[in-house]
Protein backbone atom coordinates (compact mmCIF):
# COMPACT_ATOMS: atom_id res chain seq x y z
CA MET A 1 -45.35 -91.48 -12.27
CA SER A 2 -48.42 -89.69 -13.59
CA GLU A 3 -48.22 -86.92 -16.18
CA GLN A 4 -49.41 -84.36 -13.62
CA MET A 5 -46.68 -85.33 -11.14
CA ARG A 6 -44.05 -85.22 -13.88
CA ILE A 7 -45.07 -81.66 -14.76
CA MET A 8 -45.11 -80.69 -11.07
CA ARG A 9 -41.43 -81.61 -10.83
CA SER A 10 -40.44 -78.92 -13.31
CA GLU A 11 -43.12 -76.23 -12.71
CA GLU A 12 -43.98 -74.05 -9.73
CA LEU A 13 -47.12 -75.18 -7.87
CA PRO A 14 -50.09 -72.76 -7.75
CA GLU A 15 -50.52 -70.97 -4.43
CA GLU A 16 -54.01 -72.47 -4.04
CA LEU A 17 -52.58 -76.00 -4.20
CA ARG A 18 -49.90 -75.13 -1.66
CA ASP A 19 -52.58 -73.86 0.72
CA ARG A 20 -54.46 -77.16 0.36
CA ILE A 21 -51.30 -79.08 1.25
CA VAL A 22 -50.84 -76.98 4.40
CA ALA A 23 -54.52 -77.38 5.30
CA ARG A 24 -54.24 -81.17 5.09
CA HIS A 25 -51.10 -81.08 7.21
CA ARG A 26 -52.83 -78.96 9.87
CA SER A 27 -55.72 -81.42 9.93
CA GLY A 28 -53.26 -84.19 10.82
CA GLN A 29 -52.85 -85.86 7.42
CA GLY A 30 -49.40 -87.29 6.70
CA TYR A 31 -47.09 -86.48 3.78
CA LYS A 32 -47.75 -89.77 1.98
CA LYS A 33 -51.55 -89.41 2.03
CA SER A 34 -51.41 -85.74 0.97
CA SER A 35 -49.07 -86.66 -1.88
CA ALA A 36 -51.38 -89.41 -3.15
CA ALA A 37 -54.56 -87.34 -2.78
CA LEU A 38 -53.23 -84.21 -4.50
CA LYS A 39 -50.92 -86.07 -6.94
CA VAL A 40 -47.89 -84.08 -5.81
CA PRO A 41 -44.47 -85.67 -5.09
CA LYS A 42 -43.93 -86.37 -1.40
CA SER A 43 -40.70 -84.35 -1.40
CA THR A 44 -42.64 -81.33 -2.70
CA VAL A 45 -45.24 -81.73 0.04
CA ALA A 46 -42.48 -81.83 2.66
CA SER A 47 -40.77 -78.78 1.14
CA ILE A 48 -43.98 -76.69 1.15
CA ILE A 49 -44.79 -77.61 4.75
CA LEU A 50 -41.24 -76.79 5.86
CA LYS A 51 -41.49 -73.41 4.15
CA TRP A 52 -44.83 -72.73 5.86
CA LYS A 53 -43.36 -73.63 9.26
CA THR A 54 -40.30 -71.42 8.66
CA PHE A 55 -41.87 -68.32 7.06
CA GLY A 56 -45.55 -68.69 7.96
CA THR A 57 -46.69 -68.41 4.33
CA THR A 58 -46.95 -70.44 1.14
CA ARG A 59 -46.49 -67.50 -1.22
CA THR A 60 -43.44 -67.27 -3.44
CA LEU A 61 -40.90 -65.19 -1.54
CA PRO A 62 -38.59 -62.65 -3.20
CA ARG A 63 -35.58 -64.38 -4.71
CA ALA A 64 -31.96 -63.26 -4.70
CA GLY A 65 -32.04 -62.45 -8.41
CA ARG A 66 -33.68 -63.15 -11.73
CA PRO A 67 -34.53 -66.85 -12.18
CA ALA A 68 -32.05 -68.76 -14.30
CA GLU A 69 -32.86 -68.76 -18.01
CA LEU A 70 -31.63 -72.34 -18.28
CA SER A 71 -32.76 -75.01 -15.83
CA TYR A 72 -30.41 -77.46 -14.14
CA ARG A 73 -31.81 -80.26 -16.27
CA GLY A 74 -31.27 -78.21 -19.43
CA ARG A 75 -27.67 -77.52 -18.47
CA ARG A 76 -26.99 -81.20 -17.90
CA ALA A 77 -28.47 -81.96 -21.31
CA LEU A 78 -26.09 -79.44 -22.92
CA VAL A 79 -23.10 -80.97 -21.12
CA ARG A 80 -24.08 -84.41 -22.39
CA GLU A 81 -24.30 -83.10 -25.96
CA VAL A 82 -20.85 -81.49 -25.69
CA LYS A 83 -19.25 -84.62 -24.25
CA LYS A 84 -20.88 -86.67 -26.98
CA ASN A 85 -19.60 -84.32 -29.71
CA PRO A 86 -16.86 -81.88 -28.56
CA LYS A 87 -16.92 -80.15 -31.97
CA ILE A 88 -20.58 -79.10 -31.72
CA THR A 89 -21.19 -75.36 -32.13
CA VAL A 90 -23.08 -73.02 -29.79
CA ALA A 91 -25.69 -72.47 -32.52
CA GLU A 92 -26.32 -76.22 -32.69
CA LEU A 93 -26.57 -76.40 -28.89
CA GLN A 94 -29.06 -73.53 -28.96
CA ARG A 95 -31.17 -75.44 -31.47
CA CYS A 96 -31.04 -78.60 -29.31
CA SER A 97 -32.09 -76.60 -26.26
CA ARG A 98 -34.99 -75.02 -28.17
CA GLU A 99 -36.18 -78.44 -29.32
CA LYS A 100 -36.33 -79.54 -25.67
CA GLY A 101 -38.50 -76.57 -24.73
CA GLU A 102 -35.88 -74.20 -23.29
CA SER A 103 -35.12 -71.24 -25.55
CA CYS A 104 -32.07 -69.29 -24.40
CA ARG A 105 -29.34 -67.05 -25.75
CA LYS A 106 -25.94 -68.24 -26.94
CA SER A 107 -24.22 -66.36 -24.12
CA THR A 108 -26.37 -68.26 -21.62
CA ILE A 109 -25.31 -71.57 -23.12
CA THR A 110 -21.64 -70.54 -23.04
CA ALA A 111 -21.93 -69.47 -19.39
CA ALA A 112 -23.65 -72.75 -18.48
CA LEU A 113 -20.85 -74.76 -20.08
CA HIS A 114 -18.25 -72.65 -18.26
CA GLN A 115 -19.96 -73.47 -14.96
CA SER A 116 -19.52 -77.15 -15.83
CA GLY A 117 -15.80 -76.67 -16.55
CA LEU A 118 -16.11 -76.76 -20.36
CA TYR A 119 -14.40 -74.03 -22.39
CA GLY A 120 -14.01 -73.43 -26.11
CA ARG A 121 -10.42 -73.88 -27.25
CA VAL A 122 -8.69 -74.17 -30.61
CA ALA A 123 -8.39 -77.86 -31.51
CA ARG A 124 -4.83 -79.13 -31.84
CA ARG A 125 -3.85 -80.43 -35.27
CA LYS A 126 -2.36 -83.91 -35.28
CA PRO A 127 -1.38 -86.23 -38.13
CA LEU A 128 -4.13 -88.65 -39.09
CA LEU A 129 -3.12 -92.04 -37.71
CA SER A 130 -4.49 -95.40 -38.75
CA ALA A 131 -5.17 -98.21 -36.29
CA ARG A 132 -1.80 -99.71 -37.24
CA HIS A 133 0.02 -96.46 -36.46
CA MET A 134 -1.75 -96.09 -33.10
CA LYS A 135 -0.84 -99.62 -32.13
CA ALA A 136 2.78 -99.01 -33.07
CA HIS A 137 2.89 -95.76 -31.08
CA MET A 138 1.51 -97.54 -28.02
CA ASN A 139 4.21 -100.20 -28.19
CA SER A 140 6.58 -99.04 -25.47
CA MET A 141 9.21 -101.60 -26.44
CA VAL A 142 9.60 -99.87 -29.80
CA ARG A 143 9.22 -96.33 -28.46
CA ASN A 144 11.93 -96.88 -25.85
CA LYS A 145 14.43 -97.72 -28.59
CA ILE A 146 13.91 -94.54 -30.61
CA LEU A 147 16.27 -91.57 -30.34
CA TRP A 148 14.68 -88.27 -31.38
CA SER A 149 16.54 -85.17 -32.53
CA ASP A 150 15.54 -81.72 -33.75
CA GLU A 151 16.65 -78.09 -33.94
CA THR A 152 14.97 -75.05 -32.42
CA LYS A 153 15.34 -71.29 -32.50
CA ILE A 154 15.37 -69.41 -29.19
CA GLU A 155 14.67 -65.68 -29.15
CA LEU A 156 17.16 -63.80 -26.98
CA PHE A 157 14.58 -61.13 -26.14
CA GLY A 158 11.09 -62.40 -25.40
CA LEU A 159 8.92 -64.47 -27.70
CA ASN A 160 8.34 -63.63 -31.34
CA SER A 161 4.69 -64.65 -31.18
CA LYS A 162 1.26 -63.13 -30.57
CA ARG A 163 0.31 -62.54 -26.93
CA TYR A 164 -3.14 -61.97 -25.45
CA VAL A 165 -3.96 -59.70 -22.50
CA TRP A 166 -7.16 -58.94 -20.61
CA ARG A 167 -7.65 -55.15 -20.58
CA ILE A 168 -10.31 -52.44 -20.62
CA PRO A 169 -10.80 -50.03 -23.56
CA GLY A 170 -8.31 -47.17 -23.74
CA THR A 171 -5.49 -49.02 -21.95
CA ALA A 172 -3.82 -50.64 -24.95
CA HIS A 173 -0.56 -48.71 -24.42
CA HIS A 174 -0.33 -49.14 -20.65
CA LEU A 175 2.96 -50.75 -19.68
CA SER A 176 1.31 -53.83 -18.21
CA ASN A 177 -0.68 -54.38 -21.43
CA THR A 178 2.22 -54.23 -23.89
CA VAL A 179 4.97 -56.62 -24.97
CA PRO A 180 8.40 -54.92 -25.00
CA THR A 181 10.44 -55.20 -28.18
CA VAL A 182 13.91 -54.13 -29.27
CA LYS A 183 15.23 -53.05 -32.64
CA HIS A 184 15.99 -55.89 -35.08
CA GLY A 185 14.20 -58.38 -32.80
CA GLY A 186 17.04 -58.79 -30.27
CA GLY A 187 18.57 -61.74 -32.12
CA SER A 188 18.23 -65.47 -31.66
CA ILE A 189 20.28 -68.64 -31.43
CA MET A 190 19.79 -72.05 -33.02
CA LEU A 191 20.19 -75.15 -30.87
CA TRP A 192 20.28 -78.85 -31.72
CA GLY A 193 19.30 -81.47 -29.19
CA CYS A 194 18.17 -85.07 -28.83
CA PHE A 195 16.29 -87.21 -26.33
CA SER A 196 14.98 -90.72 -25.80
CA ALA A 197 13.09 -92.64 -23.14
CA ALA A 198 16.36 -92.74 -21.16
CA GLY A 199 16.54 -88.94 -20.91
CA THR A 200 17.90 -85.90 -22.72
CA GLY A 201 21.07 -85.97 -24.76
CA GLN A 202 23.66 -83.41 -25.71
CA LEU A 203 22.74 -79.81 -26.55
CA VAL A 204 24.69 -78.09 -29.32
CA ALA A 205 24.71 -74.42 -30.32
CA ILE A 206 24.68 -74.08 -34.11
CA GLU A 207 27.16 -71.48 -35.30
CA GLY A 208 26.43 -69.72 -38.57
CA LYS A 209 24.12 -71.07 -41.23
CA MET A 210 23.05 -74.70 -41.14
CA ASN A 211 23.94 -76.83 -44.17
CA ALA A 212 24.09 -80.54 -44.95
CA ALA A 213 27.72 -81.00 -43.95
CA LYS A 214 27.29 -79.17 -40.63
CA TYR A 215 24.13 -81.11 -39.82
CA ARG A 216 25.88 -84.41 -40.57
CA ASP A 217 28.85 -83.43 -38.36
CA ILE A 218 26.56 -82.49 -35.47
CA MET A 219 24.75 -85.82 -35.64
CA ASP A 220 27.99 -87.76 -36.07
CA GLU A 221 29.58 -86.12 -33.03
CA ASN A 222 26.59 -85.93 -30.71
CA LEU A 223 23.80 -88.32 -31.69
CA LEU A 224 25.73 -91.55 -31.24
CA GLN A 225 27.61 -90.18 -28.24
CA SER A 226 24.31 -89.46 -26.48
CA ALA A 227 23.14 -93.02 -27.08
CA GLN A 228 26.42 -94.39 -25.72
CA ASP A 229 26.11 -92.19 -22.63
CA TRP A 230 22.67 -93.64 -21.93
CA ALA A 231 23.99 -97.17 -22.54
CA VAL A 232 20.75 -98.13 -24.22
CA THR A 233 19.87 -99.90 -27.43
CA TYR A 234 18.44 -97.43 -29.89
CA SER A 235 17.42 -97.18 -33.48
CA THR A 236 17.86 -94.01 -35.47
CA ARG A 237 14.72 -93.06 -37.39
CA ALA A 238 14.05 -90.12 -39.65
CA SER A 239 10.27 -90.35 -39.51
CA THR A 240 7.47 -90.43 -36.95
CA THR A 241 5.73 -93.20 -38.89
CA ASP A 242 7.53 -95.52 -41.30
CA THR A 243 11.16 -95.79 -42.33
CA PRO A 244 11.72 -93.55 -45.38
CA SER A 245 12.36 -95.25 -48.66
CA SER A 246 13.29 -92.03 -50.47
CA GLN A 247 14.88 -88.71 -49.63
CA ASP A 248 11.70 -87.25 -48.17
CA VAL A 249 10.47 -87.85 -44.63
CA TYR A 250 7.16 -87.06 -42.98
CA LYS A 251 7.33 -84.51 -40.20
CA LYS A 252 4.72 -82.24 -38.59
CA GLY A 253 2.16 -82.91 -41.31
CA LYS A 254 4.40 -81.83 -44.19
CA TYR A 255 7.00 -83.47 -46.36
CA ILE A 256 10.49 -82.06 -45.88
CA PHE A 257 13.49 -82.94 -48.02
CA LEU A 258 16.86 -84.02 -46.70
CA SER A 259 20.13 -83.50 -48.46
CA ARG A 260 21.72 -86.59 -49.97
CA GLU A 261 24.50 -86.56 -47.35
CA THR A 262 22.08 -86.36 -44.40
CA PHE A 263 19.81 -89.04 -45.84
CA TYR A 264 22.67 -91.49 -46.35
CA PHE A 265 23.99 -90.75 -42.85
CA ILE A 266 20.62 -91.51 -41.23
CA THR A 267 19.88 -94.63 -43.25
CA SER A 268 23.40 -96.02 -42.74
CA TYR A 269 22.72 -96.52 -39.02
CA LYS A 270 19.48 -98.52 -39.32
């Protein structure tokens, strides 16, 4: 493809050139010969002639709105950059677009990515895993033998967390834009539960304050019973990675410390 034809693909043809295409068509010349003589893609020749037949003119007709600031090709280039590097910033994308000859605003880039189904979201934090850890996690034979347990707090009145709403200025205190609260938070309950590949286990309400003895009793009465109910072979583990060799286990990216009683209870069932 010649340089002139390459440019024609991305730029609007002059009206004089369009008139020449129509003149050749009216004289009986075919699309292929007109394309070769004027160095214009055959599809463009066909499009101009179709427009002339439909509207009786080759002039640029009024459009529905302002022409897009970013071309289709430019948008595809941005999508490729984002898929190549999901952590790239809008400023970096703007610089890439400028280097390719299309200068546009950051809001235009954001809108173009939204049209392609890409949205900016906060990246989830996950523990850094080595290749050995990933391989172990993918081993279903090992995963199916693990019994997981944890505690959770449930708010009795709503969620004790930040909520977002879409609203217009001056409507912050409208009923639909607020989160109802009660005095002293409405209270909460602590629950202990467990699960494995076979399903969920027993659910226990924790009365009063949790301590080492109470935690050991809950596990002694419910953890093993849940495994027996499932009738599966399991292995009790205190860590998401390796078996602990001391009284600290790795959980959720931080080291937490078990009481001596709890640690001995967990390790005694390995």
